[in-house]
C-alpha atoms as a PDB file:
ATOM      1  CA  GLU A   1      -0.046  -0.029  -0.056  1.00  0.00           C
ATOM      2  CA  GLN A   2       2.874   2.324   0.776  1.00  0.00           C
ATOM      3  CA  ARG A   3       4.341   1.481  -2.585  1.00  0.00           C
ATOM      4  CA  LEU A   4       1.138   2.305  -4.371  1.00  0.00           C
ATOM      5  CA  GLN A   5       1.028   5.734  -2.573  1.00  0.00           C
ATOM      6  CA  LEU A   6       4.432   6.357  -3.499  1.00  0.00           C
ATOM      7  CA  LEU A   7       3.781   5.574  -7.199  1.00  0.00           C
ATOM      8  CA  GLU A   8       0.722   7.946  -7.074  1.00  0.00           C
ATOM      9  CA  LEU A   9       2.586  10.481  -5.320  1.00  0.00           C
ATOM     10  CA  GLY A  10       5.649   9.926  -7.686  1.00  0.00           C
ATOM     11  CA  GLY A  11       3.359  10.307 -10.635  1.00  0.00           C
ATOM     12  CA  SER A  12       1.728  13.506  -9.461  1.00  0.00           C
ATOM     13  CA  VAL A  13       5.276  14.866  -8.382  1.00  0.00           C
ATOM     14  CA  GLU A  14       6.569  14.177 -11.888  1.00  0.00           C
ATOM     15  CA  GLU A  15       3.445  16.022 -13.331  1.00  0.00           C
ATOM     16  CA  ASP A  16       4.094  18.922 -10.873  1.00  0.00           C
ATOM     17  CA  TYR A  17       7.766  19.190 -12.020  1.00  0.00           C
ATOM     18  CA  ILE A  18       6.595  19.211 -15.671  1.00  0.00           C
ATOM     19  CA  ARG A  19       4.107  22.088 -14.768  1.00  0.00           C
ATOM     20  CA  ILE A  20       6.755  24.029 -12.944  1.00  0.00           C
ATOM     21  CA  ALA A  21       9.069  23.580 -15.816  1.00  0.00           C
ATOM     22  CA  ARG A  22       6.499  24.721 -18.289  1.00  0.00           C
ATOM     23  CA  CYS A  23       5.809  27.857 -16.013  1.00  0.00           C
ATOM     24  CA  PHE A  24       9.659  28.519 -15.899  1.00  0.00           C
ATOM     25  CA  GLU A  25       9.745  28.301 -19.646  1.00  0.00           C
ATOM     26  CA  ALA A  26       6.859  30.650 -20.076  1.00  0.00           C
ATOM     27  CA  THR A  27       8.441  33.120 -17.485  1.00  0.00           C
ATOM     28  CA  ARG A  28      11.792  32.837 -19.349  1.00  0.00           C
ATOM     29  CA  GLN A  29      10.084  33.733 -22.794  1.00  0.00           C
ATOM     30  CA  ARG A  30       8.164  36.533 -21.332  1.00  0.00           C
ATOM     31  CA  CYS A  31      11.300  37.971 -19.699  1.00  0.00           C
ATOM     32  CA  CYS A  32      13.040  37.780 -23.200  1.00  0.00           C
ATOM     33  CA  ARG A  33      10.139  39.731 -24.725  1.00  0.00           C
ATOM     34  CA  LEU A  34      10.356  42.252 -21.955  1.00  0.00           C
ATOM     35  CA  GLU A  35      14.148  42.659 -22.389  1.00  0.00           C
ATOM     36  CA  GLN A  36      13.591  43.170 -26.334  1.00  0.00           C
ATOM     37  CA  ASP A  37      10.819  45.658 -25.617  1.00  0.00           C
ATOM     38  CA  GLY A  38      13.147  47.483 -23.106  1.00  0.00           C
ATOM     39  CA  ARG A  39      15.897  47.472 -25.667  1.00  0.00           C
ATOM     40  CA  ARG A  40      13.677  48.824 -28.519  1.00  0.00           C
ATOM     41  CA  ALA A  41      12.279  51.534 -26.011  1.00  0.00           C
ATOM     42  CA  ARG A  42      15.854  52.483 -25.129  1.00  0.00           C
ATOM     43  CA  GLU A  43      16.852  52.883 -28.814  1.00  0.00           C
ATOM     44  CA  GLN A  44      13.697  54.926 -29.470  1.00  0.00           C
ATOM     45  CA  LEU A  45      14.421  57.186 -26.529  1.00  0.00           C
ATOM     46  CA  ALA A  46      17.966  57.811 -27.739  1.00  0.00           C
ATOM     47  CA  ARG A  47      16.691  58.550 -31.328  1.00  0.00           C
ATOM     48  CA  ALA A  48      14.143  61.022 -29.769  1.00  0.00           C
ATOM     49  CA  GLU A  49      16.704  62.698 -27.575  1.00  0.00           C
ATOM     50  CA  ALA A  50      19.099  63.059 -30.578  1.00  0.00           C
ATOM     51  CA  GLU A  51      16.216  64.707 -32.535  1.00  0.00           C
ATOM     52  CA  ARG A  52      15.397  66.957 -29.594  1.00  0.00           C
ATOM     53  CA  ALA A  53      18.884  68.022 -29.404  1.00  0.00           C
ATOM     54  CA  ALA A  54      18.877  68.876 -33.213  1.00  0.00           C
ATOM     55  CA  LEU A  55      15.870  70.760 -32.808  1.00  0.00           C
ATOM     56  CA  GLU A  56      17.109  72.753 -29.869  1.00  0.00           C
ATOM     57  CA  VAL A  57      20.253  73.681 -31.970  1.00  0.00           C
ATOM     58  CA  LYS A  58      17.964  74.783 -34.915  1.00  0.00           C
ATOM     59  CA  LEU A  59      15.703  76.772 -32.346  1.00  0.00           C
ATOM     60  CA  LYS A  60      18.854  78.495 -30.992  1.00  0.00           C
ATOM     61  CA  HIS A  61      20.097  79.469 -34.608  1.00  0.00           C
ATOM     62  CA  ALA A  62      16.597  80.703 -35.575  1.00  0.00           C
ATOM     63  CA  ARG A  63      16.433  82.824 -32.305  1.00  0.00           C
ATOM     64  CA  ASN A  64      19.704  84.291 -33.156  1.00  0.00           C
ATOM     65  CA  GLN A  65      18.672  84.912 -36.648  1.00  0.00           C
ATOM     66  CA  VAL A  66      15.366  86.677 -35.463  1.00  0.00           C
ATOM     67  CA  GLU A  67      17.497  88.831 -32.951  1.00  0.00           C
ATOM     68  CA  VAL A  68      19.901  89.729 -35.923  1.00  0.00           C
ATOM     69  CA  GLU A  69      16.922  90.504 -38.277  1.00  0.00           C
ATOM     70  CA  MET A  70      15.166  92.591 -35.745  1.00  0.00           C
ATOM     71  CA  LYS A  71      18.442  94.560 -35.129  1.00  0.00           C
ATOM     72  CA  LYS A  72      18.853  95.143 -38.907  1.00  0.00           C
ATOM     73  CA  ARG A  73      15.153  96.268 -39.167  1.00  0.00           C
ATOM     74  CA  HIS A  74      15.458  98.749 -36.336  1.00  0.00           C
ATOM     75  CA  ARG A  75      18.586 100.278 -37.758  1.00  0.00           C
ATOM     76  CA  ALA A  76      16.819 100.394 -41.149  1.00  0.00           C
ATOM     77  CA  GLU A  77      13.695 102.097 -39.653  1.00  0.00           C
ATOM     78  CA  ALA A  78      15.978 104.623 -37.760  1.00  0.00           C
ATOM     79  CA  GLU A  79      17.715 105.247 -40.927  1.00  0.00           C
ATOM     80  CA  LEU A  80      14.491 105.758 -42.849  1.00  0.00           C
ATOM     81  CA  GLU A  81      13.231 108.109 -40.228  1.00  0.00           C
ATOM     82  CA  LYS A  82      16.510 109.957 -40.402  1.00  0.00           C
ATOM     83  CA  GLN A  83      16.396 110.362 -44.232  1.00  0.00           C
ATOM     84  CA  GLU A  84      12.564 111.342 -44.123  1.00  0.00           C
ATOM     85  CA  ARG A  85      13.562 114.047 -41.689  1.00  0.00           C
ATOM     86  CA  LYS A  86      16.223 115.337 -44.041  1.00  0.00           C
ATOM     87  CA  LEU A  87      13.991 115.261 -47.126  1.00  0.00           C
ATOM     88  CA  GLN A  88      11.304 117.116 -44.948  1.00  0.00           C
ATOM     89  CA  LEU A  89      13.830 119.750 -44.034  1.00  0.00           C
ATOM     90  CA  VAL A  90      15.085 120.260 -47.547  1.00  0.00           C
ATOM     91  CA  LEU A  91      11.395 120.540 -48.815  1.00  0.00           C
ATOM     92  CA  GLU A  92      10.672 122.956 -46.177  1.00  0.00           C
ATOM     93  CA  LEU A  93      13.680 125.021 -47.097  1.00  0.00           C
ATOM     94  CA  LEU A  94      12.896 125.002 -50.806  1.00  0.00           C
ATOM     95  CA  MET A  95       9.351 125.951 -50.052  1.00  0.00           C
ATOM     96  CA  ARG A  96      10.351 128.902 -47.630  1.00  0.00           C
ATOM     97  CA  GLU A  97      13.080 130.469 -49.836  1.00  0.00           C
ATOM     98  CA  PRO A  98      11.898 133.144 -52.346  1.00  0.00           C
ATOM     99  CA  TRP A  99      14.834 132.076 -54.744  1.00  0.00           C
ATOM    100  CA  GLY A 100      13.587 128.521 -54.585  1.00  0.00           C
ATOM    101  CA  ASN A 101       9.987 129.375 -56.053  1.00  0.00           C
ATOM    102  CA  GLU A 102      11.676 131.441 -58.720  1.00  0.00           C
ATOM    103  CA  ALA A 103      14.223 129.004 -59.684  1.00  0.00           C
ATOM    104  CA  LEU A 104      11.691 126.130 -59.836  1.00  0.00           C
ATOM    105  CA  SER A 105       9.097 125.861 -62.591  1.00  0.00           C
ATOM    106  CA  ARG A 106       5.348 125.785 -61.461  1.00  0.00           C
ATOM    107  CA  GLU A 107       5.126 122.011 -62.082  1.00  0.00           C
ATOM    108  CA  GLN A 108       8.207 121.420 -59.847  1.00  0.00           C
ATOM    109  CA  CYS A 109       6.484 123.712 -57.142  1.00  0.00           C
ATOM    110  CA  SER A 110       3.410 121.779 -57.181  1.00  0.00           C
ATOM    111  CA  VAL A 111       5.132 118.465 -56.774  1.00  0.00           C
ATOM    112  CA  LEU A 112       7.238 119.807 -54.092  1.00  0.00           C
ATOM    113  CA  SER A 113       4.151 121.235 -52.278  1.00  0.00           C
ATOM    114  CA  ALA A 114       2.377 117.854 -52.688  1.00  0.00           C
ATOM    115  CA  LEU A 115       5.350 115.981 -51.279  1.00  0.00           C
ATOM    116  CA  ALA A 116       5.685 118.580 -48.458  1.00  0.00           C
ATOM    117  CA  GLY A 117       2.031 117.854 -47.515  1.00  0.00           C
ATOM    118  CA  TRP A 118       2.411 114.299 -47.796  1.00  0.00           C
ATOM    119  CA  ARG A 119       5.760 114.209 -45.570  1.00  0.00           C
ATOM    120  CA  ILE A 120       4.017 116.358 -42.962  1.00  0.00           C
ATOM    121  CA  GLY A 121       1.185 114.017 -42.866  1.00  0.00           C
ATOM    122  CA  ALA A 122       3.381 111.041 -42.658  1.00  0.00           C
ATOM    123  CA  ALA A 123       5.416 112.665 -39.817  1.00  0.00           C
ATOM    124  CA  LEU A 124       2.332 113.170 -37.825  1.00  0.00           C
ATOM    125  CA  ALA A 125       1.171 109.461 -38.455  1.00  0.00           C
ATOM    126  CA  PRO A 126       2.351 106.643 -36.307  1.00  0.00           C
ATOM    127  CA  VAL A 127       5.546 104.982 -37.201  1.00  0.00           C
ATOM    128  CA  ARG A 128       5.111 103.033 -40.412  1.00  0.00           C
ATOM    129  CA  ARG A 129       6.160  99.407 -40.484  1.00  0.00           C
ATOM    130  CA  SER A 130       7.267  97.240 -43.357  1.00  0.00           C
ATOM    131  CA  SER A 131       4.422  95.750 -45.169  1.00  0.00           C
ATOM    132  CA  ALA A 132       6.461  92.710 -45.821  1.00  0.00           C
ATOM    133  CA  VAL A 133       5.975  91.400 -42.349  1.00  0.00           C
ATOM    134  CA  ASP A 134       2.518  90.675 -40.889  1.00  0.00           C
ATOM    135  CA  GLU A 135       2.433  92.108 -37.395  1.00  0.00           C
ATOM    136  CA  SER A 136      -1.197  91.768 -36.889  1.00  0.00           C
ATOM    137  CA  CYS A 137      -2.929  89.847 -34.172  1.00  0.00           C
ATOM    138  CA  GLN A 138      -3.742  87.261 -36.681  1.00  0.00           C
ATOM    139  CA  SER A 139      -0.097  86.417 -37.424  1.00  0.00           C
ATOM    140  CA  LEU A 140       0.591  82.802 -36.391  1.00  0.00           C
ATOM    141  CA  LEU A 141       3.838  83.733 -34.767  1.00  0.00           C
ATOM    142  CA  SER A 142       3.625  87.059 -33.172  1.00  0.00           C
ATOM    143  CA  HIS A 143       6.771  88.628 -31.516  1.00  0.00           C
ATOM    144  CA  SER A 144       5.067  88.298 -28.193  1.00  0.00           C
ATOM    145  CA  ASP A 145       4.988  84.449 -28.598  1.00  0.00           C
ATOM    146  CA  ILE A 146       8.699  84.236 -29.103  1.00  0.00           C
ATOM    147  CA  SER A 147      10.843  83.837 -26.000  1.00  0.00           C
ATOM    148  CA  TYR A 148      14.286  85.403 -26.234  1.00  0.00           C
ATOM    149  CA  ASP A 149      15.399  84.012 -22.891  1.00  0.00           C
ATOM    150  CA  ARG A 150      18.993  82.707 -23.104  1.00  0.00           C
ATOM    151  CA  THR A 151      18.602  80.601 -20.024  1.00  0.00           C
ATOM    152  CA  GLU A 152      16.740  77.867 -21.999  1.00  0.00           C
ATOM    153  CA  ASP A 153      19.725  77.581 -24.297  1.00  0.00           C
ATOM    154  CA  ASP A 154      21.754  76.255 -21.498  1.00  0.00           C
ATOM    155  CA  VAL A 155      19.466  73.300 -20.682  1.00  0.00           C
END
């Protein structure tokens, strides 16, 4: 009877060992899949970080370019205002001087009068901006949306 119990126990132990071995194999395969998934995720992360770094460099260059272009624009606007003021002074001088009206033809005087009137109106108007740049509130990238903070460049 003891032998029969041992045989029955031995058979169930053998089945238990087979079940345990199958569980270990399933667990090992799952670990392998997870390891591969982890490797792929690390590779994807590395690619994303490299892309982010490249985009940050592009952003830094774009910020620098915007800054340079804004400085150029401000210098050009200042030069335009300076030249407009000089032209205005010349026109005023020509219109005030009695010899200027005598030396100039009637057509030239009327053109100068028209220019003088236009320039005076332009001088009283707000500062003009280049029409090539859309500075309206409907612009997709307004200057208020652009951050020129250099601390982000160090990150």
